């Protein structure tokens, strides 16, 4: 339960299952990776890189491999082929926030307990709250608009309030690279607007952000770079060039036909465009 409630912050330098590279400001490189779940192909021949300090929306149809892409970067799913390399010259850490549906909220903790756990890798999980940590928790909760709820239990929170708490925990983790899987699903517009402000602040601070998102209005308004994924990368570059009617039609076509095998791996519709 704790693993599902408290995703860890990782050191990119310690990920020994991956090869390493030294390519300037490229923080993460994926080279021709594929991921299979038994007989199902989730990702196929994906190659891309994410530069330090970039803000990228990962978009595409349901079942297109967007969440799998994040999990592959984290080493949570095995690669069928290809490699992921991390820039060890950049001493960075990474945080991950999965979809709420994958998280267990039944553990009897308060809001401030959850937020403080974001600092546990610095201080130890069972260490008593010091004044410094208490102040950091309160600052983070104030930033996400949840300070007045700090003593409430998790099971008393709405979906939007719970997501605010998880963002406050990310603030305490203070990772250099943050991966978010559909952070705006099933929460109210007011909360979405507040959390977007937090994301944009992280971007201004130079953090690298990869965010799976279905809301194309949000993507067009706030994300400078987008990647459209439907098993393969359909397009990747400036958001204005990626979120186009043509690309949306291609993604819809592929989504309808992948499972029926009407789309073959060599089909020209998979051709990767570059902006």
Protein backbone atom coordinates (compact mmCIF):
# COMPACT_ATOMS: atom_id res chain seq x y z
CA UNK A 1 0.00 0.00 0.00
CA UNK A 2 2.75 2.41 0.88
CA UNK A 3 4.45 1.81 -2.45
CA UNK A 4 1.25 2.77 -4.28
CA UNK A 5 0.63 5.82 -2.10
CA UNK A 6 4.22 7.04 -1.96
CA UNK A 7 5.99 6.78 -5.33
CA UNK A 8 9.69 7.16 -4.70
CA UNK A 9 12.10 9.76 -5.94
CA UNK A 10 14.96 8.13 -7.85
CA UNK A 11 18.48 9.15 -8.67
CA UNK A 12 18.93 9.01 -12.42
CA UNK A 13 22.60 8.31 -11.88
CA UNK A 14 21.81 5.12 -9.94
CA UNK A 15 19.67 3.45 -12.61
CA UNK A 16 22.13 0.71 -13.44
CA UNK A 17 19.69 -1.18 -15.73
CA UNK A 18 20.06 1.61 -18.26
CA UNK A 19 23.03 2.62 -20.35
CA UNK A 20 24.42 6.11 -19.89
CA UNK A 21 25.34 8.85 -22.27
CA UNK A 22 26.86 12.30 -22.40
CA UNK A 23 24.83 14.25 -24.94
CA UNK A 24 24.89 17.82 -23.71
CA UNK A 25 21.49 18.88 -22.39
CA UNK A 26 19.62 15.68 -23.32
CA UNK A 27 18.56 14.28 -19.96
CA UNK A 28 16.82 11.10 -21.19
CA UNK A 29 17.23 9.33 -24.52
CA UNK A 30 15.08 6.50 -25.84
CA UNK A 31 16.54 4.59 -28.76
CA UNK A 32 14.26 2.29 -30.76
CA UNK A 33 12.50 0.92 -27.66
CA UNK A 34 9.62 -1.53 -27.74
CA UNK A 35 7.47 -2.82 -24.87
CA UNK A 36 5.22 -5.88 -25.08
CA UNK A 37 2.62 -7.14 -22.63
CA UNK A 38 2.46 -10.84 -23.55
CA UNK A 39 1.09 -10.73 -27.12
CA UNK A 40 0.11 -7.06 -26.98
CA UNK A 41 2.50 -4.45 -28.38
CA UNK A 42 2.30 -1.36 -26.15
CA UNK A 43 5.20 0.61 -27.66
CA UNK A 44 7.10 -0.06 -30.85
CA UNK A 45 10.36 1.43 -32.16
CA UNK A 46 10.14 4.62 -30.11
CA UNK A 47 13.11 6.98 -30.34
CA UNK A 48 13.21 10.42 -28.73
CA UNK A 49 15.04 12.57 -26.21
CA UNK A 50 13.97 14.94 -23.47
CA UNK A 51 16.18 17.92 -22.84
CA UNK A 52 16.94 19.29 -19.41
CA UNK A 53 14.36 21.91 -18.46
CA UNK A 54 11.81 20.92 -21.12
CA UNK A 55 8.03 20.79 -20.60
CA UNK A 56 6.45 18.10 -22.78
CA UNK A 57 2.83 16.97 -23.07
CA UNK A 58 2.44 13.31 -24.05
CA UNK A 59 -0.83 12.95 -25.92
CA UNK A 60 -2.63 10.35 -27.99
CA UNK A 61 -5.52 7.87 -27.93
CA UNK A 62 -6.39 5.61 -25.02
CA UNK A 63 -4.28 2.47 -25.07
CA UNK A 64 -1.67 4.14 -27.24
CA UNK A 65 1.22 3.57 -24.82
CA UNK A 66 1.51 6.95 -23.11
CA UNK A 67 1.54 5.60 -19.54
CA UNK A 68 3.79 2.74 -20.64
CA UNK A 69 6.29 5.29 -21.94
CA UNK A 70 6.62 6.86 -18.48
CA UNK A 71 6.88 3.45 -16.81
CA UNK A 72 9.57 2.38 -19.26
CA UNK A 73 11.64 5.46 -18.41
CA UNK A 74 11.28 4.58 -14.72
CA UNK A 75 12.21 0.92 -15.27
CA UNK A 76 8.76 -0.24 -14.09
CA UNK A 77 8.20 -2.31 -17.25
CA UNK A 78 10.84 -4.29 -19.14
CA UNK A 79 11.93 -3.36 -22.63
CA UNK A 80 11.42 -5.90 -25.38
CA UNK A 81 14.11 -4.17 -27.43
CA UNK A 82 16.03 -0.92 -27.68
CA UNK A 83 17.66 1.03 -24.91
CA UNK A 84 17.10 4.00 -22.62
CA UNK A 85 20.10 6.08 -21.67
CA UNK A 86 20.42 8.68 -18.96
CA UNK A 87 22.82 11.59 -18.87
CA UNK A 88 25.06 10.88 -15.91
CA UNK A 89 26.85 14.19 -16.32
CA UNK A 90 23.65 15.81 -15.04
CA UNK A 91 23.28 14.80 -11.39
CA UNK A 92 19.48 14.69 -11.40
CA UNK A 93 16.66 13.00 -9.53
CA UNK A 94 13.24 11.96 -10.81
CA UNK A 95 9.75 11.87 -9.27
CA UNK A 96 6.68 10.10 -10.61
CA UNK A 97 2.99 10.63 -9.96
CA UNK A 98 0.82 7.80 -11.35
CA UNK A 99 -2.86 8.00 -12.14
CA UNK A 100 -5.06 8.32 -9.07
CA UNK A 101 -6.76 5.03 -9.93
CA UNK A 102 -3.46 3.25 -9.24
CA UNK A 103 -3.07 4.76 -5.77
CA UNK A 104 -4.27 3.37 -2.44
CA UNK A 105 -5.96 5.98 -0.23
CA UNK A 106 -7.03 3.59 2.56
CA UNK A 107 -3.86 3.96 4.64
CA UNK A 108 -4.70 5.91 7.85
CA UNK A 109 -2.61 9.03 7.37
CA UNK A 110 -3.28 12.74 7.55
CA UNK A 111 -2.61 15.27 4.83
CA UNK A 112 0.54 16.56 6.52
CA UNK A 113 1.83 12.98 6.96
CA UNK A 114 1.57 12.38 3.23
CA UNK A 115 3.23 15.65 2.29
CA UNK A 116 6.04 15.16 4.83
CA UNK A 117 6.74 11.72 3.37
CA UNK A 118 8.04 13.53 0.31
CA UNK A 119 11.02 14.52 2.43
CA UNK A 120 11.57 11.04 3.87
CA UNK A 121 14.48 10.25 1.57
CA UNK A 122 16.31 13.19 3.13
CA UNK A 123 15.34 12.66 6.76
CA UNK A 124 14.10 9.04 7.04
CA UNK A 125 10.47 7.99 7.02
CA UNK A 126 9.99 7.53 10.77
CA UNK A 127 11.90 10.55 11.99
CA UNK A 128 9.89 12.94 14.14
CA UNK A 129 8.78 16.17 12.51
CA UNK A 130 11.25 18.96 13.16
CA UNK A 131 10.37 22.61 12.93
CA UNK A 132 12.16 22.95 9.60
CA UNK A 133 10.20 20.08 8.05
CA UNK A 134 6.95 21.36 9.51
CA UNK A 135 7.55 24.74 7.90
CA UNK A 136 8.30 23.13 4.53
CA UNK A 137 5.09 21.10 4.73
CA UNK A 138 3.07 24.22 5.50
CA UNK A 139 4.67 26.20 2.67
CA UNK A 140 3.91 23.40 0.19
CA UNK A 141 0.31 23.04 1.39
CA UNK A 142 -0.19 26.79 1.20
CA UNK A 143 1.09 26.79 -2.38
CA UNK A 144 -1.54 24.21 -3.43
CA UNK A 145 -4.31 25.75 -1.34
CA UNK A 146 -4.58 22.95 1.25
CA UNK A 147 -3.06 24.43 4.40
CA UNK A 148 -6.38 24.48 6.24
CA UNK A 149 -6.77 20.72 5.58
CA UNK A 150 -3.39 19.61 6.90
CA UNK A 151 -4.86 17.54 9.78
CA UNK A 152 -7.59 15.86 7.73
CA UNK A 153 -7.48 12.14 6.87
CA UNK A 154 -6.93 11.09 3.26
CA UNK A 155 -10.27 9.32 2.98
CA UNK A 156 -12.04 12.61 3.77
CA UNK A 157 -10.67 14.36 0.68
CA UNK A 158 -12.25 14.85 -2.72
CA UNK A 159 -10.34 13.79 -5.83
CA UNK A 160 -9.21 17.36 -6.46
CA UNK A 161 -8.08 17.86 -2.86
CA UNK A 162 -6.14 14.59 -2.92
CA UNK A 163 -4.35 15.64 -6.11
CA UNK A 164 -3.41 18.95 -4.50
CA UNK A 165 -1.90 17.01 -1.59
CA UNK A 166 0.12 14.84 -3.97
CA UNK A 167 1.44 17.95 -5.73
CA UNK A 168 2.46 19.35 -2.33
CA UNK A 169 4.36 16.12 -1.73
CA UNK A 170 6.13 16.57 -5.07
CA UNK A 171 7.13 20.05 -3.95
CA UNK A 172 8.88 18.55 -0.92
CA UNK A 173 10.54 15.87 -3.03
CA UNK A 174 12.08 18.68 -5.10
CA UNK A 175 13.15 16.37 -7.92
CA UNK A 176 14.83 17.68 -11.05
CA UNK A 177 12.66 15.62 -13.41
CA UNK A 178 8.94 15.04 -12.81
CA UNK A 179 6.74 12.51 -14.62
CA UNK A 180 2.97 12.98 -14.24
CA UNK A 181 0.43 10.48 -15.58
CA UNK A 182 -2.90 12.18 -16.33
CA UNK A 183 -2.78 14.53 -13.33
CA UNK A 184 -5.94 16.43 -14.38
CA UNK A 185 -8.33 13.50 -14.79
CA UNK A 186 -11.61 13.69 -12.81
CA UNK A 187 -10.77 16.90 -10.93
CA UNK A 188 -12.48 20.27 -11.02
CA UNK A 189 -11.47 23.18 -13.24
CA UNK A 190 -10.49 25.37 -10.28
CA UNK A 191 -8.02 22.73 -9.08
CA UNK A 192 -6.67 22.20 -12.58
CA UNK A 193 -5.91 25.91 -12.91
CA UNK A 194 -4.08 25.95 -9.56
CA UNK A 195 -2.02 22.86 -10.41
CA UNK A 196 -1.11 24.26 -13.84
CA UNK A 197 0.39 27.24 -12.01
CA UNK A 198 2.55 24.86 -9.95
CA UNK A 199 3.69 23.05 -13.11
CA UNK A 200 4.59 26.31 -14.83
CA UNK A 201 6.55 27.40 -11.76
CA UNK A 202 8.51 24.14 -11.88
CA UNK A 203 9.19 24.79 -15.55
CA UNK A 204 10.50 28.28 -14.76
CA UNK A 205 12.78 26.71 -12.14
CA UNK A 206 14.37 24.54 -14.84
CA UNK A 207 12.80 21.21 -13.95
CA UNK A 208 12.20 18.66 -16.71
CA UNK A 209 8.52 17.72 -16.98
CA UNK A 210 6.85 14.88 -18.93
CA UNK A 211 3.08 14.96 -18.53
CA UNK A 212 0.50 12.59 -19.99
CA UNK A 213 -2.58 14.69 -20.73
CA UNK A 214 -5.84 14.21 -22.64
CA UNK A 215 -7.02 17.81 -22.42
CA UNK A 216 -5.88 19.35 -25.71
CA UNK A 217 -7.02 22.84 -24.69
CA UNK A 218 -4.63 22.71 -21.72
CA UNK A 219 -1.89 21.34 -23.94
CA UNK A 220 -2.28 24.12 -26.49
CA UNK A 221 -2.47 26.83 -23.83
CA UNK A 222 0.43 25.81 -21.59
CA UNK A 223 2.77 23.21 -23.14
CA UNK A 224 5.46 24.40 -25.56
CA UNK A 225 6.31 20.87 -26.73
CA UNK A 226 4.10 17.86 -27.39
CA UNK A 227 4.58 14.23 -28.35
CA UNK A 228 1.73 12.29 -29.94
CA UNK A 229 1.94 8.58 -29.23
CA UNK A 230 -0.13 5.72 -30.64
CA UNK A 231 2.14 2.70 -30.18
CA UNK A 232 4.77 4.68 -32.07
CA UNK A 233 5.53 8.39 -32.06
CA UNK A 234 3.24 9.97 -34.65
CA UNK A 235 4.64 13.47 -34.22
CA UNK A 236 6.85 15.35 -31.82
CA UNK A 237 7.86 19.01 -31.62
CA UNK A 238 6.25 22.40 -31.11
CA UNK A 239 2.71 21.93 -29.83
CA UNK A 240 1.20 24.11 -32.57
CA UNK A 241 2.68 21.76 -35.17
CA UNK A 242 1.77 18.52 -33.36
CA UNK A 243 -1.83 19.20 -32.31
CA UNK A 244 -3.31 19.39 -35.79
CA UNK A 245 -6.46 18.00 -37.37
CA UNK A 246 -4.39 15.71 -39.57
CA UNK A 247 -2.51 14.21 -36.64
CA UNK A 248 -5.70 13.76 -34.62
CA UNK A 249 -7.27 11.89 -37.54
CA UNK A 250 -4.19 9.66 -37.85
CA UNK A 251 -4.27 8.89 -34.13
CA UNK A 252 -7.99 8.10 -34.26
CA UNK A 253 -7.52 5.79 -37.24
CA UNK A 254 -4.69 3.91 -35.55
CA UNK A 255 -6.61 3.65 -32.28
CA UNK A 256 -9.55 2.04 -34.09
CA UNK A 257 -7.50 -0.46 -36.03
CA UNK A 258 -4.53 -1.54 -33.91
CA UNK A 259 -6.31 -4.28 -31.98
CA UNK A 260 -7.97 -5.65 -35.11
CA UNK A 261 -4.53 -5.80 -36.76
CA UNK A 262 -5.78 -3.76 -39.73
CA UNK A 263 -2.73 -1.56 -39.18
CA UNK A 264 0.54 -3.33 -39.83
CA UNK A 265 3.85 -2.29 -38.30
CA UNK A 266 5.10 -1.18 -41.70
CA UNK A 267 2.01 0.88 -42.53
CA UNK A 268 2.93 4.33 -43.85
CA UNK A 269 0.49 5.92 -41.39
CA UNK A 270 3.12 5.24 -38.71
CA UNK A 271 5.66 7.46 -40.46
CA UNK A 272 7.12 9.81 -37.87
CA UNK A 273 6.85 13.47 -38.81
CA UNK A 274 9.32 16.04 -37.62
CA UNK A 275 8.47 19.69 -37.10
